[in-house]
Every structure is written in structure tokens, then in C-alpha cells.
Amino acid sequence: MSEPVKRVKGRPSGQTKVGRTISCYIRSDIYDALVRHCERTGQTKTMAIERAIEKMTRENGAWFPDKEDGGETAT
């Protein structure tokens, strides 16, 4: 009998992602705006936050892509 496949919450079968977990406390108005943005665009909150951070760090010169993945973001 084979063992059941362990799935990571929110990640469809077959998709993996290398990354870090962060935890932050944000103002309610910003969270509400994030939720509205995600509802309108169909993005996950994680995806929206990643894209916002990437845009901000590229604009201010702090973007240093990881050598392994080239720093490319899936679009």
C-alpha cells in the first residue's frame, strides 16, 4: 500500500516553490485594499505581495536576483 501524497496548503499538486515564510502585522485599511486588489485581479495575496516587493526593490536598486533562479518572476 502506497503512502498518501502530502500536499502543501494552497499549492496544487505538482507545483513546488522554494521560498521563505514571513509574518507581519499590517494596518486594516492596507489589508482590505490588498483583498480588494486580489479579488479584482484574481491574484493570490502571496503573489500580489511578491510582485509589489519586487517592483519596489527594482525601483530603488535593492533588487539582487538569486543566482539559482536568475531572479525572474513567473508572469
Protein backbone atom coordinates (compact mmCIF):
# COMPACT_ATOMS: atom_id res chain seq x y z
CA MET A 1 0.00 0.00 0.00
CA SER A 2 1.45 3.38 -1.00
CA GLU A 3 1.70 6.31 1.36
CA PRO A 4 -0.65 9.26 0.84
CA VAL A 5 0.79 12.23 -1.00
CA LYS A 6 1.50 15.15 1.31
CA ARG A 7 0.30 18.42 -0.18
CA VAL A 8 1.26 21.89 0.91
CA LYS A 9 -1.77 24.02 1.73
CA GLY A 10 -2.81 26.20 -1.20
CA ARG A 11 -0.38 24.67 -3.67
CA PRO A 12 -1.82 22.47 -6.45
CA SER A 13 -0.33 19.02 -6.88
CA GLY A 14 2.93 19.06 -8.82
CA GLN A 15 3.81 22.68 -8.07
CA THR A 16 6.70 23.46 -5.77
CA LYS A 17 8.14 26.73 -4.65
CA VAL A 18 11.35 27.49 -2.85
CA GLY A 19 11.00 30.43 -0.53
CA ARG A 20 10.67 31.81 2.96
CA THR A 21 7.67 32.30 5.19
CA ILE A 22 7.18 35.77 6.62
CA SER A 23 4.74 37.06 9.17
CA CYS A 24 3.78 40.68 9.51
CA TYR A 25 1.11 42.80 11.15
CA ILE A 26 -0.36 45.35 8.74
CA ARG A 27 -2.97 48.08 9.10
CA SER A 28 -6.54 47.00 8.43
CA ASP A 29 -7.03 49.52 5.60
CA ILE A 30 -3.98 48.18 3.75
CA TYR A 31 -5.14 44.59 4.23
CA ASP A 32 -8.61 45.49 2.93
CA ALA A 33 -7.06 47.15 -0.13
CA LEU A 34 -4.94 44.02 -0.71
CA VAL A 35 -8.01 41.79 -0.54
CA ARG A 36 -9.91 44.04 -2.99
CA HIS A 37 -6.92 44.05 -5.35
CA CYS A 38 -6.73 40.26 -5.25
CA GLU A 39 -10.47 39.87 -5.84
CA ARG A 40 -10.29 42.18 -8.87
CA THR A 41 -7.15 40.68 -10.40
CA GLY A 42 -7.53 37.03 -9.42
CA GLN A 43 -4.07 37.04 -7.83
CA THR A 44 -3.36 35.37 -4.53
CA LYS A 45 -2.31 37.61 -1.68
CA THR A 46 1.13 36.00 -1.79
CA MET A 47 1.50 36.74 -5.49
CA ALA A 48 0.39 40.35 -5.08
CA ILE A 49 2.77 40.94 -2.17
CA GLU A 50 5.69 39.29 -4.02
CA ARG A 51 5.09 41.44 -7.08
CA ALA A 52 4.80 44.64 -5.01
CA ILE A 53 8.04 43.90 -3.16
CA GLU A 54 9.85 43.00 -6.40
CA LYS A 55 8.66 46.23 -8.07
CA MET A 56 9.70 48.33 -5.06
CA THR A 57 13.15 46.74 -4.79
CA ARG A 58 13.81 47.01 -8.54
CA GLU A 59 12.86 50.70 -8.49
CA ASN A 60 15.13 51.57 -5.55
CA GLY A 61 18.09 49.47 -6.65
CA ALA A 62 17.84 46.86 -3.91
CA TRP A 63 16.90 44.01 -6.28
CA PHE A 64 19.64 41.38 -6.32
CA PRO A 65 18.33 38.27 -8.07
CA ASP A 66 19.19 34.86 -6.71
CA LYS A 67 21.92 33.22 -8.80
CA GLU A 68 20.00 29.93 -8.96
CA ASP A 69 16.76 31.23 -10.48
CA GLY A 70 18.02 34.36 -12.22
CA GLY A 71 15.58 36.46 -10.24
CA GLU A 72 12.89 36.03 -12.86
CA THR A 73 9.28 36.21 -11.77
CA ALA A 74 6.69 33.97 -13.36
CA THR A 75 4.06 36.03 -15.14
